[in-house]
Each structure stands twice: as structure tokens, then as C-alpha cells.
PDB file of N, CA and C in Angstrom:
ATOM      1  N   MET A   1     -17.870  -2.725  32.720  1.00  0.00           N
ATOM      2  CA  MET A   1     -18.393  -2.838  31.369  1.00  0.00           C
ATOM      3  C   MET A   1     -17.500  -2.099  30.369  1.00  0.00           C
ATOM      4  N   ALA A   2     -17.066  -0.900  30.753  1.00  0.00           N
ATOM      5  CA  ALA A   2     -16.201  -0.117  29.864  1.00  0.00           C
ATOM      6  C   ALA A   2     -14.879  -0.835  29.622  1.00  0.00           C
ATOM      7  N   ALA A   3     -14.385  -1.540  30.645  1.00  0.00           N
ATOM      8  CA  ALA A   3     -13.113  -2.254  30.499  1.00  0.00           C
ATOM      9  C   ALA A   3     -13.229  -3.363  29.456  1.00  0.00           C
ATOM     10  N   ILE A   4     -14.380  -4.034  29.427  1.00  0.00           N
ATOM     11  CA  ILE A   4     -14.592  -5.093  28.437  1.00  0.00           C
ATOM     12  C   ILE A   4     -14.623  -4.492  27.038  1.00  0.00           C
ATOM     13  N   GLY A   5     -15.333  -3.375  26.883  1.00  0.00           N
ATOM     14  CA  GLY A   5     -15.388  -2.698  25.592  1.00  0.00           C
ATOM     15  C   GLY A   5     -14.016  -2.245  25.148  1.00  0.00           C
ATOM     16  N   ARG A   6     -13.246  -1.705  26.084  1.00  0.00           N
ATOM     17  CA  ARG A   6     -11.892  -1.233  25.778  1.00  0.00           C
ATOM     18  C   ARG A   6     -11.027  -2.403  25.324  1.00  0.00           C
ATOM     19  N   GLU A   7     -11.152  -3.530  26.009  1.00  0.00           N
ATOM     20  CA  GLU A   7     -10.343  -4.702  25.666  1.00  0.00           C
ATOM     21  C   GLU A   7     -10.687  -5.220  24.267  1.00  0.00           C
ATOM     22  N   ILE A   8     -11.964  -5.253  23.948  1.00  0.00           N
ATOM     23  CA  ILE A   8     -12.392  -5.711  22.624  1.00  0.00           C
ATOM     24  C   ILE A   8     -11.865  -4.774  21.544  1.00  0.00           C
ATOM     25  N   ILE A   9     -11.980  -3.468  21.775  1.00  0.00           N
ATOM     26  CA  ILE A   9     -11.493  -2.484  20.814  1.00  0.00           C
ATOM     27  C   ILE A   9      -9.992  -2.645  20.612  1.00  0.00           C
ATOM     28  N   GLU A  10      -9.247  -2.848  21.704  1.00  0.00           N
ATOM     29  CA  GLU A  10      -7.798  -3.015  21.602  1.00  0.00           C
ATOM     30  C   GLU A  10      -7.440  -4.279  20.823  1.00  0.00           C
ATOM     31  N   GLN A  11      -8.175  -5.369  21.070  1.00  0.00           N
ATOM     32  CA  GLN A  11      -7.906  -6.615  20.350  1.00  0.00           C
ATOM     33  C   GLN A  11      -8.179  -6.461  18.857  1.00  0.00           C
ATOM     34  N   LEU A  12      -9.269  -5.774  18.522  1.00  0.00           N
ATOM     35  CA  LEU A  12      -9.569  -5.533  17.108  1.00  0.00           C
ATOM     36  C   LEU A  12      -8.473  -4.697  16.458  1.00  0.00           C
ATOM     37  N   GLY A  13      -8.012  -3.676  17.166  1.00  0.00           N
ATOM     38  CA  GLY A  13      -6.933  -2.832  16.651  1.00  0.00           C
ATOM     39  C   GLY A  13      -5.658  -3.617  16.429  1.00  0.00           C
ATOM     40  N   GLU A  14      -5.337  -4.487  17.377  1.00  0.00           N
ATOM     41  CA  GLU A  14      -4.133  -5.312  17.241  1.00  0.00           C
ATOM     42  C   GLU A  14      -4.240  -6.232  16.034  1.00  0.00           C
ATOM     43  N   ARG A  15      -5.425  -6.807  15.813  1.00  0.00           N
ATOM     44  CA  ARG A  15      -5.622  -7.675  14.652  1.00  0.00           C
ATOM     45  C   ARG A  15      -5.473  -6.904  13.349  1.00  0.00           C
ATOM     46  N   LYS A  16      -6.044  -5.708  13.329  1.00  0.00           N
ATOM     47  CA  LYS A  16      -5.937  -4.876  12.122  1.00  0.00           C
ATOM     48  C   LYS A  16      -4.472  -4.539  11.843  1.00  0.00           C
ATOM     49  N   MET A  17      -3.714  -4.210  12.886  1.00  0.00           N
ATOM     50  CA  MET A  17      -2.296  -3.882  12.703  1.00  0.00           C
ATOM     51  C   MET A  17      -1.512  -5.101  12.224  1.00  0.00           C
ATOM     52  N   ALA A  18      -1.862  -6.280  12.725  1.00  0.00           N
ATOM     53  CA  ALA A  18      -1.196  -7.506  12.272  1.00  0.00           C
ATOM     54  C   ALA A  18      -1.523  -7.772  10.800  1.00  0.00           C
ATOM     55  N   ASP A  19      -2.778  -7.533  10.420  1.00  0.00           N
ATOM     56  CA  ASP A  19      -3.164  -7.692   9.013  1.00  0.00           C
ATOM     57  C   ASP A  19      -2.364  -6.751   8.119  1.00  0.00           C
ATOM     58  N   ILE A  20      -2.212  -5.509   8.567  1.00  0.00           N
ATOM     59  CA  ILE A  20      -1.451  -4.522   7.792  1.00  0.00           C
ATOM     60  C   ILE A  20      -0.003  -4.977   7.630  1.00  0.00           C
ATOM     61  N   ALA A  21       0.599  -5.444   8.708  1.00  0.00           N
ATOM     62  CA  ALA A  21       1.992  -5.908   8.644  1.00  0.00           C
ATOM     63  C   ALA A  21       2.133  -7.072   7.663  1.00  0.00           C
ATOM     64  N   LEU A  22       1.170  -7.974   7.674  1.00  0.00           N
ATOM     65  CA  LEU A  22       1.201  -9.118   6.762  1.00  0.00           C
ATOM     66  C   LEU A  22       1.078  -8.663   5.305  1.00  0.00           C
ATOM     67  N   LEU A  23       0.149  -7.745   5.042  1.00  0.00           N
ATOM     68  CA  LEU A  23      -0.031  -7.246   3.677  1.00  0.00           C
ATOM     69  C   LEU A  23       1.200  -6.481   3.196  1.00  0.00           C
ATOM     70  N   GLU A  24       1.795  -5.686   4.073  1.00  0.00           N
ATOM     71  CA  GLU A  24       3.009  -4.950   3.695  1.00  0.00           C
ATOM     72  C   GLU A  24       4.159  -5.907   3.398  1.00  0.00           C
ATOM     73  N   SER A  25       4.272  -6.961   4.188  1.00  0.00           N
ATOM     74  CA  SER A  25       5.310  -7.968   3.957  1.00  0.00           C
ATOM     75  C   SER A  25       5.074  -8.680   2.622  1.00  0.00           C
ATOM     76  N   GLN A  26       3.812  -9.000   2.354  1.00  0.00           N
ATOM     77  CA  GLN A  26       3.484  -9.651   1.085  1.00  0.00           C
ATOM     78  C   GLN A  26       3.832  -8.734  -0.088  1.00  0.00           C
ATOM     79  N   ASN A  27       3.503  -7.454   0.032  1.00  0.00           N
ATOM     80  CA  ASN A  27       3.830  -6.512  -1.045  1.00  0.00           C
ATOM     81  C   ASN A  27       5.332  -6.447  -1.284  1.00  0.00           C
ATOM     82  N   LYS A  28       6.101  -6.441  -0.210  1.00  0.00           N
ATOM     83  CA  LYS A  28       7.561  -6.384  -0.342  1.00  0.00           C
ATOM     84  C   LYS A  28       8.075  -7.601  -1.117  1.00  0.00           C
ATOM     85  N   LYS A  29       7.548  -8.775  -0.786  1.00  0.00           N
ATOM     86  CA  LYS A  29       7.973  -9.998  -1.471  1.00  0.00           C
ATOM     87  C   LYS A  29       7.527  -9.998  -2.932  1.00  0.00           C
ATOM     88  N   LEU A  30       6.336  -9.466  -3.173  1.00  0.00           N
ATOM     89  CA  LEU A  30       5.856  -9.392  -4.554  1.00  0.00           C
ATOM     90  C   LEU A  30       6.722  -8.447  -5.387  1.00  0.00           C
ATOM     91  N   ILE A  31       7.120  -7.334  -4.801  1.00  0.00           N
ATOM     92  CA  ILE A  31       8.000  -6.391  -5.504  1.00  0.00           C
ATOM     93  C   ILE A  31       9.342  -7.047  -5.809  1.00  0.00           C
ATOM     94  N   GLU A  32       9.880  -7.799  -4.851  1.00  0.00           N
ATOM     95  CA  GLU A  32      11.137  -8.515  -5.085  1.00  0.00           C
ATOM     96  C   GLU A  32      10.986  -9.505  -6.238  1.00  0.00           C
ATOM     97  N   LEU A  33       9.839 -10.165  -6.283  1.00  0.00           N
ATOM     98  CA  LEU A  33       9.579 -11.130  -7.350  1.00  0.00           C
ATOM     99  C   LEU A  33       9.530 -10.434  -8.713  1.00  0.00           C
ATOM    100  N   VAL A  34       8.864  -9.297  -8.769  1.00  0.00           N
ATOM    101  CA  VAL A  34       8.798  -8.539 -10.027  1.00  0.00           C
ATOM    102  C   VAL A  34      10.194  -8.096 -10.451  1.00  0.00           C
ATOM    103  N   ASN A  35      10.997  -7.673  -9.492  1.00  0.00           N
ATOM    104  CA  ASN A  35      12.332  -7.147  -9.796  1.00  0.00           C
ATOM    105  C   ASN A  35      13.361  -8.221 -10.136  1.00  0.00           C
ATOM    106  N   CYS A  36      13.025  -9.486  -9.936  1.00  0.00           N
ATOM    107  CA  CYS A  36      14.009 -10.543 -10.199  1.00  0.00           C
ATOM    108  C   CYS A  36      14.256 -10.750 -11.691  1.00  0.00           C
ATOM    109  N   GLY A  37      13.343 -10.274 -12.531  1.00  0.00           N
ATOM    110  CA  GLY A  37      13.578 -10.306 -13.964  1.00  0.00           C
ATOM    111  C   GLY A  37      13.205 -11.579 -14.691  1.00  0.00           C
ATOM    112  N   ILE A  38      12.516 -12.505 -14.053  1.00  0.00           N
ATOM    113  CA  ILE A  38      12.185 -13.760 -14.731  1.00  0.00           C
ATOM    114  C   ILE A  38      10.709 -13.870 -15.120  1.00  0.00           C
ATOM    115  N   LEU A  39       9.920 -12.855 -14.789  1.00  0.00           N
ATOM    116  CA  LEU A  39       8.484 -12.923 -15.051  1.00  0.00           C
ATOM    117  C   LEU A  39       8.130 -12.321 -16.405  1.00  0.00           C
ATOM    118  N   THR A  40       7.044 -12.837 -16.966  1.00  0.00           N
ATOM    119  CA  THR A  40       6.520 -12.242 -18.196  1.00  0.00           C
ATOM    120  C   THR A  40       5.794 -10.946 -17.832  1.00  0.00           C
ATOM    121  N   GLU A  41       5.521 -10.140 -18.834  1.00  0.00           N
ATOM    122  CA  GLU A  41       4.795  -8.883 -18.596  1.00  0.00           C
ATOM    123  C   GLU A  41       3.407  -9.160 -18.018  1.00  0.00           C
ATOM    124  N   GLU A  42       2.778 -10.225 -18.485  1.00  0.00           N
ATOM    125  CA  GLU A  42       1.453 -10.591 -17.978  1.00  0.00           C
ATOM    126  C   GLU A  42       1.530 -10.953 -16.493  1.00  0.00           C
ATOM    127  N   GLN A  43       2.532 -11.719 -16.108  1.00  0.00           N
ATOM    128  CA  GLN A  43       2.706 -12.082 -14.699  1.00  0.00           C
ATOM    129  C   GLN A  43       2.974 -10.842 -13.848  1.00  0.00           C
ATOM    130  N   LYS A  44       3.786  -9.933 -14.379  1.00  0.00           N
ATOM    131  CA  LYS A  44       4.065  -8.691 -13.655  1.00  0.00           C
ATOM    132  C   LYS A  44       2.789  -7.880 -13.456  1.00  0.00           C
ATOM    133  N   GLN A  45       1.945  -7.855 -14.483  1.00  0.00           N
ATOM    134  CA  GLN A  45       0.689  -7.110 -14.396  1.00  0.00           C
ATOM    135  C   GLN A  45      -0.208  -7.693 -13.300  1.00  0.00           C
ATOM    136  N   VAL A  46      -0.266  -9.018 -13.236  1.00  0.00           N
ATOM    137  CA  VAL A  46      -1.066  -9.677 -12.201  1.00  0.00           C
ATOM    138  C   VAL A  46      -0.530  -9.317 -10.815  1.00  0.00           C
ATOM    139  N   ILE A  47       0.773  -9.324 -10.667  1.00  0.00           N
ATOM    140  CA  ILE A  47       1.382  -8.994  -9.374  1.00  0.00           C
ATOM    141  C   ILE A  47       1.128  -7.533  -9.017  1.00  0.00           C
ATOM    142  N   HIS A  48       1.242  -6.644  -9.994  1.00  0.00           N
ATOM    143  CA  HIS A  48       0.967  -5.225  -9.721  1.00  0.00           C
ATOM    144  C   HIS A  48      -0.492  -5.024  -9.294  1.00  0.00           C
ATOM    145  N   THR A  49      -1.397  -5.798  -9.893  1.00  0.00           N
ATOM    146  CA  THR A  49      -2.806  -5.732  -9.494  1.00  0.00           C
ATOM    147  C   THR A  49      -2.965  -6.192  -8.051  1.00  0.00           C
ATOM    148  N   GLN A  50      -2.272  -7.269  -7.676  1.00  0.00           N
ATOM    149  CA  GLN A  50      -2.348  -7.765  -6.300  1.00  0.00           C
ATOM    150  C   GLN A  50      -1.781  -6.741  -5.323  1.00  0.00           C
ATOM    151  N   ILE A  51      -0.687  -6.106  -5.688  1.00  0.00           N
ATOM    152  CA  ILE A  51      -0.092  -5.076  -4.830  1.00  0.00           C
ATOM    153  C   ILE A  51      -1.084  -3.926  -4.635  1.00  0.00           C
ATOM    154  N   ALA A  52      -1.753  -3.525  -5.722  1.00  0.00           N
ATOM    155  CA  ALA A  52      -2.748  -2.446  -5.623  1.00  0.00           C
ATOM    156  C   ALA A  52      -3.905  -2.853  -4.716  1.00  0.00           C
ATOM    157  N   LEU A  53      -4.348  -4.099  -4.830  1.00  0.00           N
ATOM    158  CA  LEU A  53      -5.413  -4.591  -3.942  1.00  0.00           C
ATOM    159  C   LEU A  53      -4.949  -4.584  -2.490  1.00  0.00           C
ATOM    160  N   ASN A  54      -3.730  -5.050  -2.258  1.00  0.00           N
ATOM    161  CA  ASN A  54      -3.192  -5.042  -0.895  1.00  0.00           C
ATOM    162  C   ASN A  54      -3.128  -3.619  -0.348  1.00  0.00           C
ATOM    163  N   ASP A  55      -2.704  -2.672  -1.191  1.00  0.00           N
ATOM    164  CA  ASP A  55      -2.647  -1.273  -0.757  1.00  0.00           C
ATOM    165  C   ASP A  55      -4.037  -0.755  -0.387  1.00  0.00           C
ATOM    166  N   THR A  56      -5.050  -1.168  -1.152  1.00  0.00           N
ATOM    167  CA  THR A  56      -6.428  -0.779  -0.833  1.00  0.00           C
ATOM    168  C   THR A  56      -6.839  -1.359   0.512  1.00  0.00           C
ATOM    169  N   PHE A  57      -6.536  -2.635   0.738  1.00  0.00           N
ATOM    170  CA  PHE A  57      -6.865  -3.265   2.017  1.00  0.00           C
ATOM    171  C   PHE A  57      -6.142  -2.571   3.168  1.00  0.00           C
ATOM    172  N   ILE A  58      -4.884  -2.212   2.948  1.00  0.00           N
ATOM    173  CA  ILE A  58      -4.111  -1.518   3.983  1.00  0.00           C
ATOM    174  C   ILE A  58      -4.778  -0.187   4.319  1.00  0.00           C
ATOM    175  N   SER A  59      -5.184   0.547   3.307  1.00  0.00           N
ATOM    176  CA  SER A  59      -5.858   1.835   3.539  1.00  0.00           C
ATOM    177  C   SER A  59      -7.153   1.644   4.321  1.00  0.00           C
ATOM    178  N   GLU A  60      -7.915   0.616   3.952  1.00  0.00           N
ATOM    179  CA  GLU A  60      -9.170   0.342   4.658  1.00  0.00           C
ATOM    180  C   GLU A  60      -8.908  -0.031   6.114  1.00  0.00           C
ATOM    181  N   LYS A  61      -7.891  -0.835   6.346  1.00  0.00           N
ATOM    182  CA  LYS A  61      -7.586  -1.244   7.718  1.00  0.00           C
ATOM    183  C   LYS A  61      -7.066  -0.064   8.536  1.00  0.00           C
ATOM    184  N   ASN A  62      -6.304   0.831   7.905  1.00  0.00           N
ATOM    185  CA  ASN A  62      -5.870   2.043   8.603  1.00  0.00           C
ATOM    186  C   ASN A  62      -7.072   2.896   8.997  1.00  0.00           C
ATOM    187  N   GLU A  63      -8.051   2.988   8.115  1.00  0.00           N
ATOM    188  CA  GLU A  63      -9.275   3.738   8.416  1.00  0.00           C
ATOM    189  C   GLU A  63     -10.038   3.057   9.556  1.00  0.00           C
ATOM    190  N   ASP A  64     -10.090   1.721   9.534  1.00  0.00           N
ATOM    191  CA  ASP A  64     -10.731   0.977  10.622  1.00  0.00           C
ATOM    192  C   ASP A  64     -10.050   1.270  11.956  1.00  0.00           C
ATOM    193  N   ILE A  65      -8.723   1.332  11.936  1.00  0.00           N
ATOM    194  CA  ILE A  65      -7.976   1.613  13.167  1.00  0.00           C
ATOM    195  C   ILE A  65      -8.303   3.015  13.668  1.00  0.00           C
ATOM    196  N   LYS A  66      -8.370   3.984  12.767  1.00  0.00           N
ATOM    197  CA  LYS A  66      -8.749   5.345  13.176  1.00  0.00           C
ATOM    198  C   LYS A  66     -10.120   5.346  13.834  1.00  0.00           C
ATOM    199  N   ASN A  67     -11.065   4.608  13.241  1.00  0.00           N
ATOM    200  CA  ASN A  67     -12.410   4.524  13.807  1.00  0.00           C
ATOM    201  C   ASN A  67     -12.404   3.826  15.163  1.00  0.00           C
ATOM    202  N   LEU A  68     -11.576   2.796  15.302  1.00  0.00           N
ATOM    203  CA  LEU A  68     -11.468   2.112  16.592  1.00  0.00           C
ATOM    204  C   LEU A  68     -10.883   3.036  17.654  1.00  0.00           C
ATOM    205  N   LEU A  69      -9.896   3.841  17.267  1.00  0.00           N
ATOM    206  CA  LEU A  69      -9.319   4.798  18.217  1.00  0.00           C
ATOM    207  C   LEU A  69     -10.358   5.821  18.652  1.00  0.00           C
ATOM    208  N   LEU A  70     -11.183   6.271  17.714  1.00  0.00           N
ATOM    209  CA  LEU A  70     -12.252   7.206  18.042  1.00  0.00           C
ATOM    210  C   LEU A  70     -13.255   6.542  18.972  1.00  0.00           C
ATOM    211  N   LEU A  71     -13.623   5.309  18.664  1.00  0.00           N
ATOM    212  CA  LEU A  71     -14.551   4.564  19.514  1.00  0.00           C
ATOM    213  C   LEU A  71     -13.959   4.362  20.901  1.00  0.00           C
ATOM    214  N   HIS A  72     -12.674   4.044  20.956  1.00  0.00           N
ATOM    215  CA  HIS A  72     -11.974   3.863  22.232  1.00  0.00           C
ATOM    216  C   HIS A  72     -12.055   5.148  23.047  1.00  0.00           C
ATOM    217  N   SER A  73     -11.816   6.272  22.403  1.00  0.00           N
ATOM    218  CA  SER A  73     -11.869   7.570  23.070  1.00  0.00           C
ATOM    219  C   SER A  73     -13.279   7.861  23.579  1.00  0.00           C
ATOM    220  N   GLN A  74     -14.273   7.594  22.746  1.00  0.00           N
ATOM    221  CA  GLN A  74     -15.661   7.818  23.153  1.00  0.00           C
ATOM    222  C   GLN A  74     -16.045   6.888  24.291  1.00  0.00           C
ATOM    223  N   ASN A  75     -15.563   5.660  24.239  1.00  0.00           N
ATOM    224  CA  ASN A  75     -15.835   4.681  25.288  1.00  0.00           C
ATOM    225  C   ASN A  75     -15.265   5.170  26.617  1.00  0.00           C
ATOM    226  N   ASP A  76     -14.030   5.662  26.587  1.00  0.00           N
ATOM    227  CA  ASP A  76     -13.402   6.184  27.804  1.00  0.00           C
ATOM    228  C   ASP A  76     -14.140   7.407  28.325  1.00  0.00           C
ATOM    229  N   ASN A  77     -14.541   8.309  27.410  1.00  0.00           N
ATOM    230  CA  ASN A  77     -15.271   9.505  27.827  1.00  0.00           C
ATOM    231  C   ASN A  77     -16.622   9.143  28.427  1.00  0.00           C
ATOM    232  N   GLY A  78     -17.302   8.170  27.840  1.00  0.00           N
ATOM    233  CA  GLY A  78     -18.583   7.719  28.377  1.00  0.00           C
ATOM    234  C   GLY A  78     -18.427   7.090  29.742  1.00  0.00           C
ATOM    235  N   ALA A  79     -17.365   6.312  29.927  1.00  0.00           N
ATOM    236  CA  ALA A  79     -17.117   5.677  31.223  1.00  0.00           C
ATOM    237  C   ALA A  79     -16.830   6.727  32.285  1.00  0.00           C
ATOM    238  N   MET A  80     -16.065   7.767  31.913  1.00  0.00           N
ATOM    239  CA  MET A  80     -15.768   8.834  32.878  1.00  0.00           C
ATOM    240  C   MET A  80     -17.038   9.598  33.235  1.00  0.00           C
ATOM    241  N   LEU A  81     -17.907   9.832  32.254  1.00  0.00           N
ATOM    242  CA  LEU A  81     -19.156  10.542  32.503  1.00  0.00           C
ATOM    243  C   LEU A  81     -20.056   9.729  33.417  1.00  0.00           C
ATOM    244  N   MET A  82     -20.141   8.420  33.166  1.00  0.00           N
ATOM    245  CA  MET A  82     -20.959   7.560  34.025  1.00  0.00           C
ATOM    246  C   MET A  82     -20.397   7.547  35.439  1.00  0.00           C
ATOM    247  N   GLN A  83     -19.077   7.475  35.585  1.00  0.00           N
ATOM    248  CA  GLN A  83     -18.448   7.484  36.901  1.00  0.00           C
ATOM    249  C   GLN A  83     -18.717   8.806  37.597  1.00  0.00           C
ATOM    250  N   SER A  84     -18.626   9.898  36.871  1.00  0.00           N
ATOM    251  CA  SER A  84     -18.876  11.226  37.426  1.00  0.00           C
ATOM    252  C   SER A  84     -20.312  11.342  37.905  1.00  0.00           C
ATOM    253  N   ASN A  85     -21.245  10.807  37.129  1.00  0.00           N
ATOM    254  CA  ASN A  85     -22.656  10.853  37.519  1.00  0.00           C
ATOM    255  C   ASN A  85     -22.914  10.014  38.756  1.00  0.00           C
ATOM    256  N   SER A  86     -22.282   8.846  38.856  1.00  0.00           N
ATOM    257  CA  SER A  86     -22.501   7.992  40.028  1.00  0.00           C
ATOM    258  C   SER A  86     -21.828   8.580  41.260  1.00  0.00           C
ATOM    259  N   ASP A  87     -20.719   9.299  41.071  1.00  0.00           N
ATOM    260  CA  ASP A  87     -20.045   9.946  42.199  1.00  0.00           C
ATOM    261  C   ASP A  87     -20.873  11.088  42.760  1.00  0.00           C
ATOM    262  N   SER A  88     -21.629  11.752  41.901  1.00  0.00           N
ATOM    263  CA  SER A  88     -22.388  12.912  42.355  1.00  0.00           C
ATOM    264  C   SER A  88     -23.682  12.524  43.040  1.00  0.00           C
ATOM    265  N   LYS A  89     -24.064  11.264  42.993  1.00  0.00           N
ATOM    266  CA  LYS A  89     -25.325  10.816  43.629  1.00  0.00           C
ATOM    267  C   LYS A  89     -25.148  10.515  45.078  1.00  0.00           C
TER     268      LYS A  89
END
């Protein structure tokens, strides 16, 4: 049972990391677009807003990953405790 929980937690973490990589890549491309010099100030403002939103999402996903790591640790500790209890019987 613990192995299934661990696998699910790992898959969620991998998805979150992939999301972060995608958002960071998008931000890089948006910055390049702003720096190309062909956009109006209004367009630049919209892009800066999108970059800020992406940064917020990245922060949230990083926090989710921290929580998943904590859950993973608790899951492992619980599995060891259950194993220890069954060994002592």
C-alpha cells in the first residue's frame, strides 16, 4: 500500500516539475519577445503581467512539491512504523 502511495506522490511531483519547466521556458520566450523592440508599451505590459502570473504559478508549484516531499517522508515513516509493529507481533 505504501508503495502505491509513494508512486502517486512521485508522479505528482514529476508533473509539477514539468509544469515549472514549461512555465520557465514560456517566461524566457516572453522576455525575448519584449526585448526584441517591436512591441507597444501596452503589449509589453500584458506580457509582463503574464510573466508575473507564471512566476506566481511557479511559486505555488514549488510549494506543492515541498508538501509532496513532506507527504512522501511521512508516508515512508508510516510504512516503517507499520512494518516495525508487524515485526514485533
